[in-house]
Amino acid sequence: MLISIHGGPKHQERPAYINEGFYQYLLSQGIAVVAPNIRGSSGYGMTYQKRINRNSLGNCDLADLAATARYVLSQEWVDTGRIGLFGASYGAFVVLSCVARLPEFRWAAAVDFFGPSNLVTVAEAVPPAYRATAIEVIGDPEVDRESLLARSPIAYAENIKTPLFVVQGARDRRVPQAESDQLVEKLRDLGVEVRYDIYPDEGHGFTRSSSQTKAYVDAAEFLIAHLRNTAS
């Protein structure tokens, strides 16, 4: 089973053929997909959408993912030892939060596409055009530094035991490469299995179809290798 968390955070998961058929391919390989619209998602009213803002980011969304995981684990047909995570951008922040702050679920694998690992450094690096929005959603790095660090996955890196695949664009201005660099370096020092793919000509997302195809194919194969029961 894969739990996939959308970006935004105010995006919304809907039934659609997206990301090179990523979900459909995993399903064809025997991996079920749950893609929840946790608090912060659009489509459920502004109150629901704004519940993620400031101190709630990294808290209420993590509670929603814990509830999702408990639901998944309650299903008799789910192999409780083969639950994986996938997310891009904000969704990858939630993925990293899960493996760092909810280790009791013993995640079997996780994929992080250009996700913030340190809310202090990512807030400090926000371009001027996005700064007001970042302060509204994430917090002010000058005023909320302690709270931001307390909600940052990197502050709990010692808890991460999950095999991790990190994808990062070298030209990303919203989530700079330093966000992935610092986490990967720390996890490798701790002996955690990490695959790290950097796309030199990509930013926050993929502008080239060849990059998107490669990234999603590689992510799918990584998840299949760690989640599918190859002995069956």
C-alpha atoms as a PDB file:
ATOM      1  CA  MET A   1       0.000   0.000   0.000  1.00  0.00           C
ATOM      2  CA  LEU A   2       1.189   3.503  -0.854  1.00  0.00           C
ATOM      3  CA  ILE A   3      -0.048   6.609   0.939  1.00  0.00           C
ATOM      4  CA  SER A   4       0.424   9.590  -1.387  1.00  0.00           C
ATOM      5  CA  ILE A   5       0.169  13.190  -0.165  1.00  0.00           C
ATOM      6  CA  HIS A   6      -0.472  15.991  -2.645  1.00  0.00           C
ATOM      7  CA  GLY A   7       1.424  19.274  -2.731  1.00  0.00           C
ATOM      8  CA  GLY A   8       0.180  22.764  -2.200  1.00  0.00           C
ATOM      9  CA  PRO A   9      -0.869  22.327   0.544  1.00  0.00           C
ATOM     10  CA  LYS A  10      -4.102  23.707  -0.917  1.00  0.00           C
ATOM     11  CA  HIS A  11      -4.250  21.347  -3.882  1.00  0.00           C
ATOM     12  CA  GLN A  12      -6.772  18.523  -4.041  1.00  0.00           C
ATOM     13  CA  GLU A  13      -6.549  14.871  -5.014  1.00  0.00           C
ATOM     14  CA  ARG A  14      -9.144  13.946  -7.647  1.00  0.00           C
ATOM     15  CA  PRO A  15      -9.585  10.807  -9.762  1.00  0.00           C
ATOM     16  CA  ALA A  16      -7.438  11.558 -12.794  1.00  0.00           C
ATOM     17  CA  TYR A  17      -4.639  10.233 -14.964  1.00  0.00           C
ATOM     18  CA  ILE A  18      -1.665  12.320 -13.802  1.00  0.00           C
ATOM     19  CA  ASN A  19       2.093  12.090 -13.331  1.00  0.00           C
ATOM     20  CA  GLU A  20       2.694   9.738 -16.237  1.00  0.00           C
ATOM     21  CA  GLY A  21       0.051   7.336 -14.906  1.00  0.00           C
ATOM     22  CA  PHE A  22       2.045   6.861 -11.694  1.00  0.00           C
ATOM     23  CA  TYR A  23      -0.864   5.565  -9.601  1.00  0.00           C
ATOM     24  CA  GLN A  24      -2.183   3.352 -12.372  1.00  0.00           C
ATOM     25  CA  TYR A  25       1.202   1.750 -12.895  1.00  0.00           C
ATOM     26  CA  LEU A  26       1.594   0.999  -9.183  1.00  0.00           C
ATOM     27  CA  LEU A  27      -1.876  -0.535  -9.118  1.00  0.00           C
ATOM     28  CA  SER A  28      -0.959  -2.746 -12.070  1.00  0.00           C
ATOM     29  CA  GLN A  29       2.002  -3.971 -10.022  1.00  0.00           C
ATOM     30  CA  GLY A  30      -0.095  -4.949  -7.022  1.00  0.00           C
ATOM     31  CA  ILE A  31       0.415  -1.811  -4.912  1.00  0.00           C
ATOM     32  CA  ALA A  32      -2.779  -0.118  -3.730  1.00  0.00           C
ATOM     33  CA  VAL A  33      -2.826   3.685  -3.401  1.00  0.00           C
ATOM     34  CA  VAL A  34      -4.525   5.884  -0.815  1.00  0.00           C
ATOM     35  CA  ALA A  35      -4.402   9.612  -1.671  1.00  0.00           C
ATOM     36  CA  PRO A  36      -6.134  11.558   1.130  1.00  0.00           C
ATOM     37  CA  ASN A  37      -7.202  15.203   1.099  1.00  0.00           C
ATOM     38  CA  ILE A  38      -5.915  16.102   4.541  1.00  0.00           C
ATOM     39  CA  ARG A  39      -6.503  19.436   6.267  1.00  0.00           C
ATOM     40  CA  GLY A  40      -5.157  22.223   4.101  1.00  0.00           C
ATOM     41  CA  SER A  41      -6.655  20.757   0.909  1.00  0.00           C
ATOM     42  CA  SER A  42      -8.955  22.833  -1.265  1.00  0.00           C
ATOM     43  CA  GLY A  43     -12.517  21.845  -2.107  1.00  0.00           C
ATOM     44  CA  TYR A  44     -13.842  21.547   1.443  1.00  0.00           C
ATOM     45  CA  GLY A  45     -14.290  25.211   2.345  1.00  0.00           C
ATOM     46  CA  MET A  46     -11.881  27.938   3.412  1.00  0.00           C
ATOM     47  CA  THR A  47     -11.962  26.953   7.086  1.00  0.00           C
ATOM     48  CA  TYR A  48     -10.705  23.461   6.224  1.00  0.00           C
ATOM     49  CA  GLN A  49      -8.133  24.863   3.808  1.00  0.00           C
ATOM     50  CA  LYS A  50      -6.685  27.368   6.284  1.00  0.00           C
ATOM     51  CA  ARG A  51      -6.452  24.945   9.205  1.00  0.00           C
ATOM     52  CA  ILE A  52      -2.963  24.083   8.020  1.00  0.00           C
ATOM     53  CA  ASN A  53      -1.571  27.596   8.458  1.00  0.00           C
ATOM     54  CA  ARG A  54       1.254  28.640  10.810  1.00  0.00           C
ATOM     55  CA  ASN A  55       1.627  26.467  13.905  1.00  0.00           C
ATOM     56  CA  SER A  56      -0.796  23.864  12.555  1.00  0.00           C
ATOM     57  CA  LEU A  57       1.513  23.040   9.632  1.00  0.00           C
ATOM     58  CA  GLY A  58       3.480  20.006  10.705  1.00  0.00           C
ATOM     59  CA  ASN A  59       0.965  19.210  13.434  1.00  0.00           C
ATOM     60  CA  CYS A  60      -2.641  18.790  12.260  1.00  0.00           C
ATOM     61  CA  ASP A  61      -1.525  17.360   8.910  1.00  0.00           C
ATOM     62  CA  LEU A  62       0.652  14.836  10.735  1.00  0.00           C
ATOM     63  CA  ALA A  63      -2.350  13.870  12.881  1.00  0.00           C
ATOM     64  CA  ASP A  64      -4.384  13.334   9.700  1.00  0.00           C
ATOM     65  CA  LEU A  65      -1.677  11.079   8.267  1.00  0.00           C
ATOM     66  CA  ALA A  66      -1.547   9.080  11.487  1.00  0.00           C
ATOM     67  CA  ALA A  67      -5.313   8.588  11.213  1.00  0.00           C
ATOM     68  CA  THR A  68      -4.899   7.554   7.563  1.00  0.00           C
ATOM     69  CA  ALA A  69      -2.216   5.039   8.508  1.00  0.00           C
ATOM     70  CA  ARG A  70      -4.358   3.571  11.284  1.00  0.00           C
ATOM     71  CA  TYR A  71      -7.221   3.159   8.836  1.00  0.00           C
ATOM     72  CA  VAL A  72      -4.964   1.497   6.274  1.00  0.00           C
ATOM     73  CA  LEU A  73      -3.543  -0.874   8.872  1.00  0.00           C
ATOM     74  CA  SER A  74      -7.062  -1.841   9.983  1.00  0.00           C
ATOM     75  CA  GLN A  75      -7.824  -3.342   6.560  1.00  0.00           C
ATOM     76  CA  GLU A  76      -7.427  -7.113   6.606  1.00  0.00           C
ATOM     77  CA  TRP A  77      -6.061  -7.256   3.055  1.00  0.00           C
ATOM     78  CA  VAL A  78      -3.199  -4.790   3.709  1.00  0.00           C
ATOM     79  CA  ASP A  79       0.269  -6.158   4.484  1.00  0.00           C
ATOM     80  CA  THR A  80       1.133  -4.085   7.545  1.00  0.00           C
ATOM     81  CA  GLY A  81       4.854  -4.423   6.890  1.00  0.00           C
ATOM     82  CA  ARG A  82       4.645  -2.936   3.392  1.00  0.00           C
ATOM     83  CA  ILE A  83       3.265   0.596   3.741  1.00  0.00           C
ATOM     84  CA  GLY A  84       5.049   3.288   1.735  1.00  0.00           C
ATOM     85  CA  LEU A  85       4.840   7.066   1.374  1.00  0.00           C
ATOM     86  CA  PHE A  86       5.082   9.436  -1.577  1.00  0.00           C
ATOM     87  CA  GLY A  87       4.847  13.215  -1.853  1.00  0.00           C
ATOM     88  CA  ALA A  88       6.100  16.226  -3.779  1.00  0.00           C
ATOM     89  CA  SER A  89       6.801  19.717  -2.412  1.00  0.00           C
ATOM     90  CA  TYR A  90       4.506  20.219   0.598  1.00  0.00           C
ATOM     91  CA  GLY A  91       3.461  16.575   0.235  1.00  0.00           C
ATOM     92  CA  ALA A  92       7.121  15.588   0.561  1.00  0.00           C
ATOM     93  CA  PHE A  93       7.366  17.676   3.739  1.00  0.00           C
ATOM     94  CA  VAL A  94       4.542  15.544   5.152  1.00  0.00           C
ATOM     95  CA  VAL A  95       6.305  12.369   3.966  1.00  0.00           C
ATOM     96  CA  LEU A  96       9.475  13.425   5.778  1.00  0.00           C
ATOM     97  CA  SER A  97       7.437  14.365   8.849  1.00  0.00           C
ATOM     98  CA  CYS A  98       5.871  10.914   8.861  1.00  0.00           C
ATOM     99  CA  VAL A  99       9.133   8.973   8.686  1.00  0.00           C
ATOM    100  CA  ALA A 100      10.739  11.298  11.264  1.00  0.00           C
ATOM    101  CA  ARG A 101       7.895  11.849  13.714  1.00  0.00           C
ATOM    102  CA  LEU A 102       5.685   8.777  13.256  1.00  0.00           C
ATOM    103  CA  PRO A 103       8.318   6.008  13.224  1.00  0.00           C
ATOM    104  CA  GLU A 104       5.955   3.668  15.075  1.00  0.00           C
ATOM    105  CA  PHE A 105       4.255   2.880  11.753  1.00  0.00           C
ATOM    106  CA  ARG A 106       7.501   1.296  10.482  1.00  0.00           C
ATOM    107  CA  TRP A 107       7.185   2.703   6.966  1.00  0.00           C
ATOM    108  CA  ALA A 108       8.718   0.340   4.415  1.00  0.00           C
ATOM    109  CA  ALA A 109       9.801   3.042   1.915  1.00  0.00           C
ATOM    110  CA  ALA A 110       9.371   6.748   1.230  1.00  0.00           C
ATOM    111  CA  VAL A 111       9.789   9.018  -1.801  1.00  0.00           C
ATOM    112  CA  ASP A 112      10.431  12.744  -1.396  1.00  0.00           C
ATOM    113  CA  PHE A 113      10.256  15.019  -4.464  1.00  0.00           C
ATOM    114  CA  PHE A 114      11.802  18.410  -3.564  1.00  0.00           C
ATOM    115  CA  GLY A 115      10.431  18.531  -0.028  1.00  0.00           C
ATOM    116  CA  PRO A 116      11.368  20.995   2.740  1.00  0.00           C
ATOM    117  CA  SER A 117      13.291  19.330   5.545  1.00  0.00           C
ATOM    118  CA  ASN A 118      13.934  22.420   7.674  1.00  0.00           C
ATOM    119  CA  LEU A 119      11.150  24.995   7.991  1.00  0.00           C
ATOM    120  CA  VAL A 120      13.571  27.632   9.279  1.00  0.00           C
ATOM    121  CA  THR A 121      15.931  27.488   6.316  1.00  0.00           C
ATOM    122  CA  VAL A 122      13.184  27.087   3.714  1.00  0.00           C
ATOM    123  CA  ALA A 123      11.313  30.093   5.131  1.00  0.00           C
ATOM    124  CA  GLU A 124      14.518  32.148   5.096  1.00  0.00           C
ATOM    125  CA  ALA A 125      15.147  31.203   1.462  1.00  0.00           C
ATOM    126  CA  VAL A 126      11.692  32.112   0.137  1.00  0.00           C
ATOM    127  CA  PRO A 127      11.928  34.592  -2.780  1.00  0.00           C
ATOM    128  CA  PRO A 128      10.483  38.062  -2.061  1.00  0.00           C
ATOM    129  CA  ALA A 129       7.445  37.456  -4.292  1.00  0.00           C
ATOM    130  CA  TYR A 130       6.334  34.531  -2.096  1.00  0.00           C
ATOM    131  CA  ARG A 131       7.435  35.860   1.301  1.00  0.00           C
ATOM    132  CA  ALA A 132       4.063  37.144   2.531  1.00  0.00           C
ATOM    133  CA  THR A 133       2.357  33.882   1.558  1.00  0.00           C
ATOM    134  CA  ALA A 134       5.124  31.837   3.193  1.00  0.00           C
ATOM    135  CA  ILE A 135       4.781  33.748   6.448  1.00  0.00           C
ATOM    136  CA  GLU A 136       1.002  33.226   6.384  1.00  0.00           C
ATOM    137  CA  VAL A 137       1.265  29.481   5.727  1.00  0.00           C
ATOM    138  CA  ILE A 138       4.598  28.418   7.281  1.00  0.00           C
ATOM    139  CA  GLY A 139       5.501  31.157   9.740  1.00  0.00           C
ATOM    140  CA  ASP A 140       8.000  33.971  10.154  1.00  0.00           C
ATOM    141  CA  PRO A 141      11.576  32.665  10.569  1.00  0.00           C
ATOM    142  CA  GLU A 142      12.489  35.690  12.682  1.00  0.00           C
ATOM    143  CA  VAL A 143       9.522  35.431  15.058  1.00  0.00           C
ATOM    144  CA  ASP A 144       8.609  31.729  14.941  1.00  0.00           C
ATOM    145  CA  ARG A 145      12.079  30.160  14.727  1.00  0.00           C
ATOM    146  CA  GLU A 146      11.671  27.810  17.698  1.00  0.00           C
ATOM    147  CA  SER A 147       8.255  26.608  16.558  1.00  0.00           C
ATOM    148  CA  LEU A 148       9.456  26.143  12.985  1.00  0.00           C
ATOM    149  CA  LEU A 149      12.382  23.985  14.060  1.00  0.00           C
ATOM    150  CA  ALA A 150      10.145  21.927  16.353  1.00  0.00           C
ATOM    151  CA  ARG A 151       7.984  21.095  13.306  1.00  0.00           C
ATOM    152  CA  SER A 152      10.911  20.345  10.979  1.00  0.00           C
ATOM    153  CA  PRO A 153      11.674  16.750   9.939  1.00  0.00           C
ATOM    154  CA  ILE A 154      15.427  17.333  10.184  1.00  0.00           C
ATOM    155  CA  ALA A 155      15.106  17.939  13.922  1.00  0.00           C
ATOM    156  CA  TYR A 156      13.996  14.294  14.262  1.00  0.00           C
ATOM    157  CA  ALA A 157      16.378  12.763  11.724  1.00  0.00           C
ATOM    158  CA  GLU A 158      17.679  10.242  14.267  1.00  0.00           C
ATOM    159  CA  ASN A 159      14.231   8.585  14.197  1.00  0.00           C
ATOM    160  CA  ILE A 160      14.358   7.924  10.439  1.00  0.00           C
ATOM    161  CA  LYS A 161      15.039   4.285   9.563  1.00  0.00           C
ATOM    162  CA  THR A 162      12.947   4.149   6.378  1.00  0.00           C
ATOM    163  CA  PRO A 163      14.666   3.644   2.990  1.00  0.00           C
ATOM    164  CA  LEU A 164      14.331   7.020   1.273  1.00  0.00           C
ATOM    165  CA  PHE A 165      14.443   8.224  -2.336  1.00  0.00           C
ATOM    166  CA  VAL A 166      14.988  11.982  -2.715  1.00  0.00           C
ATOM    167  CA  VAL A 167      14.507  13.866  -6.012  1.00  0.00           C
ATOM    168  CA  GLN A 168      15.630  17.497  -6.246  1.00  0.00           C
ATOM    169  CA  GLY A 169      15.927  20.169  -8.925  1.00  0.00           C
ATOM    170  CA  ALA A 170      19.180  22.112  -8.713  1.00  0.00           C
ATOM    171  CA  ARG A 171      17.411  25.297  -9.863  1.00  0.00           C
ATOM    172  CA  ASP A 172      14.554  25.089  -7.378  1.00  0.00           C
ATOM    173  CA  ARG A 173      13.909  28.512  -5.823  1.00  0.00           C
ATOM    174  CA  ARG A 174      10.896  27.565  -3.714  1.00  0.00           C
ATOM    175  CA  VAL A 175      12.567  24.572  -2.041  1.00  0.00           C
ATOM    176  CA  PRO A 176      16.305  25.086  -2.623  1.00  0.00           C
ATOM    177  CA  GLN A 177      18.623  22.130  -3.068  1.00  0.00           C
ATOM    178  CA  ALA A 178      20.057  22.845   0.377  1.00  0.00           C
ATOM    179  CA  GLU A 179      16.823  21.462   1.873  1.00  0.00           C
ATOM    180  CA  SER A 180      17.543  18.036   0.413  1.00  0.00           C
ATOM    181  CA  ASP A 181      21.331  18.274   0.789  1.00  0.00           C
ATOM    182  CA  GLN A 182      21.231  18.812   4.537  1.00  0.00           C
ATOM    183  CA  LEU A 183      18.810  15.956   5.126  1.00  0.00           C
ATOM    184  CA  VAL A 184      20.587  13.468   2.861  1.00  0.00           C
ATOM    185  CA  GLU A 185      23.962  14.268   4.424  1.00  0.00           C
ATOM    186  CA  LYS A 186      22.596  13.804   7.938  1.00  0.00           C
ATOM    187  CA  LEU A 187      20.821  10.537   7.118  1.00  0.00           C
ATOM    188  CA  ARG A 188      23.837   9.060   5.356  1.00  0.00           C
ATOM    189  CA  ASP A 189      25.951   9.916   8.389  1.00  0.00           C
ATOM    190  CA  LEU A 190      23.385   7.960  10.420  1.00  0.00           C
ATOM    191  CA  GLY A 191      23.625   4.969   8.057  1.00  0.00           C
ATOM    192  CA  VAL A 192      20.148   5.304   6.551  1.00  0.00           C
ATOM    193  CA  GLU A 193      19.606   4.013   2.998  1.00  0.00           C
ATOM    194  CA  VAL A 194      19.116   7.108   0.803  1.00  0.00           C
ATOM    195  CA  ARG A 195      19.022   7.401  -2.967  1.00  0.00           C
ATOM    196  CA  TYR A 196      19.509  11.018  -4.059  1.00  0.00           C
ATOM    197  CA  ASP A 197      18.840  12.133  -7.656  1.00  0.00           C
ATOM    198  CA  ILE A 198      19.547  15.761  -8.585  1.00  0.00           C
ATOM    199  CA  TYR A 199      18.196  17.196 -11.850  1.00  0.00           C
ATOM    200  CA  PRO A 200      20.641  19.977 -12.830  1.00  0.00           C
ATOM    201  CA  ASP A 201      18.278  21.783 -15.236  1.00  0.00           C
ATOM    202  CA  GLU A 202      15.030  21.522 -13.273  1.00  0.00           C
ATOM    203  CA  GLY A 203      13.434  23.800 -10.709  1.00  0.00           C
ATOM    204  CA  HIS A 204      10.404  23.250  -8.474  1.00  0.00           C
ATOM    205  CA  GLY A 205       8.788  20.513 -10.531  1.00  0.00           C
ATOM    206  CA  PHE A 206       9.652  19.343 -14.018  1.00  0.00           C
ATOM    207  CA  THR A 207       9.674  21.488 -17.149  1.00  0.00           C
ATOM    208  CA  ARG A 208      10.921  18.659 -19.354  1.00  0.00           C
ATOM    209  CA  SER A 209       8.716  15.664 -20.033  1.00  0.00           C
ATOM    210  CA  SER A 210      11.825  13.452 -20.122  1.00  0.00           C
ATOM    211  CA  SER A 211      12.681  14.500 -16.560  1.00  0.00           C
ATOM    212  CA  GLN A 212       9.147  13.862 -15.331  1.00  0.00           C
ATOM    213  CA  THR A 213       8.984  10.455 -16.971  1.00  0.00           C
ATOM    214  CA  LYS A 214      12.352   9.380 -15.571  1.00  0.00           C
ATOM    215  CA  ALA A 215      11.603  10.637 -12.067  1.00  0.00           C
ATOM    216  CA  TYR A 216       8.243   8.885 -11.824  1.00  0.00           C
ATOM    217  CA  VAL A 217       9.516   5.662 -13.402  1.00  0.00           C
ATOM    218  CA  ASP A 218      12.433   5.604 -10.953  1.00  0.00           C
ATOM    219  CA  ALA A 219      10.133   6.367  -8.016  1.00  0.00           C
ATOM    220  CA  ALA A 220       7.761   3.597  -9.034  1.00  0.00           C
ATOM    221  CA  GLU A 221      10.563   1.061  -9.344  1.00  0.00           C
ATOM    222  CA  PHE A 222      11.969   2.104  -5.957  1.00  0.00           C
ATOM    223  CA  LEU A 223       8.579   1.617  -4.334  1.00  0.00           C
ATOM    224  CA  ILE A 224       7.962  -1.689  -6.080  1.00  0.00           C
ATOM    225  CA  ALA A 225      11.335  -3.005  -4.928  1.00  0.00           C
ATOM    226  CA  HIS A 226      10.564  -2.172  -1.295  1.00  0.00           C
ATOM    227  CA  LEU A 227       6.820  -2.799  -1.101  1.00  0.00           C
ATOM    228  CA  ARG A 228       5.925  -5.677  -3.369  1.00  0.00           C
ATOM    229  CA  ASN A 229       6.209  -9.193  -2.007  1.00  0.00           C
ATOM    230  CA  THR A 230       8.514 -10.571  -4.689  1.00  0.00           C
ATOM    231  CA  ALA A 231       8.311 -14.033  -3.148  1.00  0.00           C
ATOM    232  CA  SER A 232       4.607 -14.363  -4.000  1.00  0.00           C
END
